[in-house]
Amino acid sequence: MMLSPVVHERPRLNEAHAHEAAFVTMVLDGVYGETAGQHSLRYERFTAFYHPPQLEHVDRVGAPGVRLLFFEFRLDLLDGLGVRPSAARSLRDLSATAAAWEMLSLYASARNEHDPLDFEARALALIAGIFRLSTAAPREVPSLRRIRDYLHAHFRERIAMHDLATAAALHPVYVGQMFRREAGETIGSYVNRLRVRAAAEALAVTDDALAAIAFDHGFCDQSHFQRVFRKVSGLTPAAFRAKFG
């Protein structure tokens, strides 16, 4: 396994290629996108995706370059756990999940400390967590895709089930059930991940007050922001800013 920063200082296009090992890519800064099969991904700061082995993809680096966090690991590390690595076949959005924040924290610890045993133990636990999430990758259901597109466009606003039902062309009664069944989490959990990722970016790159960030990203108030951010990331907003700003 390997955890390292990857820096491209200028725009470039990497032609279609694949990796022998599984890996997670997280954007720390800059402009970056990928195309894999029918998926076209545009990364924002702290966006993270799991890639299974042998997934052919094309990388696009925009101006003024990009700084990535790259965690690569061989799935034979999971041998003996009673799991089937082949079950994790799809791209999985890990943005603002516990696995993504642990990967970022592990990188920060590795930069400032030198404890190989602690690093290995945490990295192996992280791999197991990533694999559990990746085996639950949602299916490509058109109504689910329409709901996710709507949530990505409006997560900073107050969202009503009627709006989601209209976007998905479903009855409001079925929207929440279908989303949880196909995505593996509730709509509220998904929206909180979107809000926390965007708020984390604001914490990292601005000096805006916490109350202003809470208001700008759809939280009821600063107290609500503190509770949700800590639940999702494991850190308070102030601690996250101090550690990763």
Protein backbone atom coordinates (compact mmCIF):
# COMPACT_ATOMS: atom_id res chain seq x y z
CA MET A 1 0.00 0.00 0.00
CA MET A 2 1.10 3.56 -0.62
CA LEU A 3 -0.20 6.93 0.54
CA SER A 4 1.33 9.95 -1.14
CA PRO A 5 0.64 13.36 -2.65
CA VAL A 6 0.65 13.63 -6.43
CA VAL A 7 1.27 17.05 -7.95
CA HIS A 8 0.72 18.20 -11.55
CA GLU A 9 1.93 21.77 -11.96
CA ARG A 10 0.37 22.42 -15.38
CA PRO A 11 -2.63 21.29 -17.43
CA ARG A 12 -2.40 17.85 -19.00
CA LEU A 13 -4.46 14.96 -20.33
CA ASN A 14 -3.45 11.45 -19.35
CA GLU A 15 -4.64 8.98 -21.97
CA ALA A 16 -6.75 5.96 -21.04
CA HIS A 17 -4.92 3.71 -18.57
CA ALA A 18 -5.57 1.35 -15.65
CA HIS A 19 -3.88 0.48 -12.36
CA GLU A 20 -3.14 -3.04 -11.12
CA ALA A 21 -4.05 -2.07 -7.56
CA ALA A 22 -7.17 -0.46 -6.12
CA PHE A 23 -6.87 3.18 -5.14
CA VAL A 24 -8.64 6.25 -3.80
CA THR A 25 -8.01 9.72 -5.21
CA MET A 26 -8.79 12.87 -3.23
CA VAL A 27 -8.29 16.41 -4.50
CA LEU A 28 -6.48 18.71 -2.09
CA ASP A 29 -6.25 21.70 -4.40
CA GLY A 30 -6.62 22.59 -8.08
CA VAL A 31 -8.72 21.46 -11.04
CA TYR A 32 -9.09 17.77 -11.86
CA GLY A 33 -11.53 15.44 -13.61
CA GLU A 34 -11.81 11.83 -14.77
CA THR A 35 -13.74 9.83 -17.31
CA ALA A 36 -14.29 6.14 -16.63
CA GLY A 37 -16.73 4.24 -18.81
CA GLN A 38 -19.98 6.21 -18.77
CA HIS A 39 -18.92 8.20 -15.70
CA SER A 40 -17.56 11.71 -16.07
CA LEU A 41 -16.33 13.06 -12.74
CA ARG A 42 -15.41 16.62 -11.81
CA TYR A 43 -13.52 16.76 -8.54
CA GLU A 44 -13.85 19.56 -6.02
CA ARG A 45 -11.64 20.02 -2.97
CA PHE A 46 -11.89 16.96 -0.66
CA THR A 47 -13.85 14.98 -3.26
CA ALA A 48 -12.72 11.34 -3.09
CA PHE A 49 -13.48 8.32 -5.29
CA TYR A 50 -12.62 4.63 -4.92
CA HIS A 51 -11.33 2.93 -8.09
CA PRO A 52 -11.22 -0.87 -8.36
CA PRO A 53 -8.22 -2.56 -10.03
CA GLN A 54 -8.06 -2.53 -13.83
CA LEU A 55 -10.63 0.26 -14.21
CA GLU A 56 -9.66 2.11 -17.38
CA HIS A 57 -9.93 5.86 -17.02
CA VAL A 58 -8.72 9.17 -18.45
CA ASP A 59 -7.34 11.96 -16.22
CA ARG A 60 -7.75 15.66 -16.97
CA VAL A 61 -5.71 18.29 -15.12
CA GLY A 62 -6.85 21.89 -15.57
CA ALA A 63 -5.09 25.19 -15.00
CA PRO A 64 -3.35 25.93 -12.68
CA GLY A 65 -2.59 22.25 -12.02
CA VAL A 66 -3.71 20.02 -9.17
CA ARG A 67 -2.53 18.51 -5.88
CA LEU A 68 -3.97 15.07 -5.15
CA LEU A 69 -3.84 12.65 -2.26
CA PHE A 70 -3.40 9.14 -3.66
CA PHE A 71 -3.93 5.96 -1.59
CA GLU A 72 -3.13 2.77 -3.51
CA PHE A 73 -3.44 -0.74 -2.09
CA ARG A 74 -3.53 -4.33 -3.27
CA LEU A 75 -6.72 -6.19 -2.45
CA ASP A 76 -4.82 -9.32 -1.40
CA LEU A 77 -4.32 -7.44 1.89
CA LEU A 78 -7.92 -8.50 2.57
CA ASP A 79 -7.15 -12.22 2.22
CA GLY A 80 -8.41 -14.21 5.17
CA LEU A 81 -11.20 -11.79 6.08
CA GLY A 82 -13.87 -13.84 4.33
CA VAL A 83 -14.58 -11.14 1.74
CA ARG A 84 -14.53 -11.28 -2.05
CA PRO A 85 -12.44 -8.41 -3.50
CA SER A 86 -14.17 -8.93 -6.85
CA ALA A 87 -17.40 -7.72 -5.22
CA ALA A 88 -16.06 -4.14 -5.29
CA ARG A 89 -16.29 -3.47 -9.01
CA SER A 90 -17.72 0.03 -9.32
CA LEU A 91 -16.55 3.57 -8.79
CA ARG A 92 -17.73 4.78 -5.40
CA ASP A 93 -18.02 8.37 -4.22
CA LEU A 94 -16.38 8.48 -0.78
CA SER A 95 -16.53 12.26 -0.43
CA ALA A 96 -17.05 13.35 3.19
CA THR A 97 -17.32 9.76 4.43
CA ALA A 98 -15.46 8.63 7.55
CA ALA A 99 -13.02 6.81 5.24
CA ALA A 100 -12.17 10.02 3.36
CA TRP A 101 -11.54 12.01 6.53
CA GLU A 102 -9.44 9.18 7.99
CA MET A 103 -7.35 9.11 4.81
CA LEU A 104 -6.74 12.85 5.13
CA SER A 105 -5.93 12.51 8.83
CA LEU A 106 -3.58 9.60 8.15
CA TYR A 107 -1.70 11.71 5.62
CA ALA A 108 -1.39 14.60 8.10
CA SER A 109 -0.09 12.21 10.78
CA ALA A 110 2.41 10.60 8.40
CA ARG A 111 3.82 14.02 7.50
CA ASN A 112 4.35 15.05 11.12
CA GLU A 113 5.17 11.79 12.87
CA HIS A 114 7.17 8.64 12.18
CA ASP A 115 5.46 5.58 13.65
CA PRO A 116 5.40 2.82 11.00
CA LEU A 117 3.37 0.44 13.17
CA ASP A 118 0.64 3.00 13.86
CA PHE A 119 0.55 3.95 10.17
CA GLU A 120 0.23 0.32 9.06
CA ALA A 121 -2.53 -0.45 11.59
CA ARG A 122 -4.55 2.62 10.63
CA ALA A 123 -4.00 2.09 6.91
CA LEU A 124 -5.19 -1.52 7.06
CA ALA A 125 -8.30 -0.49 8.99
CA LEU A 126 -8.88 2.22 6.39
CA ILE A 127 -8.63 -0.29 3.54
CA ALA A 128 -11.24 -2.50 5.22
CA GLY A 129 -13.53 0.51 5.63
CA ILE A 130 -13.09 1.59 2.02
CA PHE A 131 -13.82 -1.93 0.80
CA ARG A 132 -17.02 -2.17 2.84
CA LEU A 133 -18.26 1.06 1.28
CA SER A 134 -17.20 0.11 -2.23
CA THR A 135 -19.13 -3.17 -2.18
CA ALA A 136 -22.30 -1.15 -1.61
CA ALA A 137 -21.89 1.05 -4.70
CA PRO A 138 -25.33 2.14 -5.94
CA ARG A 139 -26.76 0.86 -9.20
CA GLU A 140 -27.19 3.17 -12.15
CA VAL A 141 -30.91 3.78 -11.66
CA PRO A 142 -32.14 6.79 -13.70
CA SER A 143 -34.42 8.09 -10.92
CA LEU A 144 -31.56 7.85 -8.40
CA ARG A 145 -29.25 9.74 -10.74
CA ARG A 146 -31.86 12.49 -11.15
CA ILE A 147 -32.25 12.82 -7.38
CA ARG A 148 -28.49 13.00 -6.84
CA ASP A 149 -28.15 15.61 -9.59
CA TYR A 150 -30.86 17.69 -7.92
CA LEU A 151 -29.23 17.37 -4.49
CA HIS A 152 -25.82 18.39 -5.86
CA ALA A 153 -27.40 21.50 -7.39
CA HIS A 154 -29.50 22.49 -4.38
CA PHE A 155 -27.88 21.07 -1.21
CA ARG A 156 -27.28 24.56 0.20
CA GLU A 157 -31.03 25.26 0.09
CA ARG A 158 -34.02 23.96 2.03
CA ILE A 159 -35.08 20.83 0.11
CA ALA A 160 -38.60 19.38 0.12
CA MET A 161 -39.56 15.82 -0.79
CA HIS A 162 -41.97 17.23 -3.39
CA ASP A 163 -39.01 18.81 -5.21
CA LEU A 164 -37.12 15.50 -5.25
CA ALA A 165 -40.21 13.61 -6.38
CA THR A 166 -40.66 16.02 -9.28
CA ALA A 167 -37.00 15.68 -10.25
CA ALA A 168 -37.16 11.87 -10.10
CA ALA A 169 -40.64 11.54 -11.65
CA LEU A 170 -41.73 9.47 -8.65
CA HIS A 171 -44.43 9.77 -6.00
CA PRO A 172 -43.05 11.47 -2.84
CA VAL A 173 -43.90 8.36 -0.80
CA TYR A 174 -41.40 6.27 -2.77
CA VAL A 175 -38.50 8.73 -3.04
CA GLY A 176 -36.95 8.16 0.38
CA GLN A 177 -37.44 4.39 0.23
CA MET A 178 -35.92 4.08 -3.22
CA PHE A 179 -32.96 6.31 -2.38
CA ARG A 180 -32.08 4.38 0.77
CA ARG A 181 -32.45 1.03 -0.98
CA GLU A 182 -30.29 1.97 -3.97
CA ALA A 183 -27.77 4.39 -2.40
CA GLY A 184 -27.33 2.62 0.92
CA GLU A 185 -27.97 5.77 2.98
CA THR A 186 -30.78 8.19 3.68
CA ILE A 187 -31.33 11.37 1.70
CA GLY A 188 -30.55 13.38 4.84
CA SER A 189 -27.22 11.59 5.29
CA TYR A 190 -26.29 12.21 1.66
CA VAL A 191 -27.16 15.91 1.88
CA ASN A 192 -25.12 16.24 5.07
CA ARG A 193 -22.10 14.75 3.29
CA LEU A 194 -22.47 17.27 0.47
CA ARG A 195 -22.78 20.14 2.93
CA VAL A 196 -19.86 19.04 5.07
CA ARG A 197 -17.54 18.58 2.09
CA ALA A 198 -18.34 22.05 0.79
CA ALA A 199 -18.08 23.56 4.27
CA ALA A 200 -14.71 21.83 4.77
CA GLU A 201 -13.47 23.51 1.60
CA ALA A 202 -14.60 26.89 2.93
CA LEU A 203 -12.86 26.21 6.24
CA ALA A 204 -9.64 25.29 4.45
CA VAL A 205 -9.41 28.22 2.05
CA THR A 206 -11.19 31.15 3.75
CA ASP A 207 -11.20 33.00 7.05
CA ASP A 208 -14.99 33.28 7.06
CA ALA A 209 -16.72 33.06 10.43
CA LEU A 210 -18.23 29.70 11.33
CA ALA A 211 -21.71 31.22 11.51
CA ALA A 212 -21.35 32.56 7.96
CA ILE A 213 -20.13 29.19 6.66
CA ALA A 214 -23.04 27.45 8.41
CA PHE A 215 -25.56 29.82 6.80
CA ASP A 216 -23.97 29.57 3.34
CA HIS A 217 -24.05 25.77 3.31
CA GLY A 218 -27.61 25.04 4.39
CA PHE A 219 -27.24 24.50 8.13
CA CYS A 220 -29.90 25.87 10.48
CA ASP A 221 -27.39 27.68 12.68
CA GLN A 222 -23.83 27.42 13.95
CA SER A 223 -24.76 24.87 16.62
CA HIS A 224 -26.36 22.60 14.01
CA PHE A 225 -23.28 23.03 11.80
CA GLN A 226 -20.97 22.05 14.68
CA ARG A 227 -22.97 18.89 15.47
CA VAL A 228 -23.28 17.65 11.89
CA PHE A 229 -19.71 18.50 10.90
CA ARG A 230 -18.28 16.67 13.91
CA LYS A 231 -20.53 13.65 13.35
CA VAL A 232 -19.48 13.35 9.70
CA SER A 233 -15.78 14.28 9.89
CA GLY A 234 -14.84 13.40 13.47
CA LEU A 235 -13.58 16.97 14.07
CA THR A 236 -15.20 20.23 15.02
CA PRO A 237 -15.11 22.90 12.30
CA ALA A 238 -12.51 24.88 14.27
CA ALA A 239 -10.30 21.81 14.73
CA PHE A 240 -10.59 20.95 11.04
CA ARG A 241 -9.56 24.48 10.05
CA ALA A 242 -6.58 24.38 12.43
CA LYS A 243 -5.43 21.01 11.09
CA PHE A 244 -6.08 21.34 7.34
CA GLY A 245 -6.46 25.04 6.60
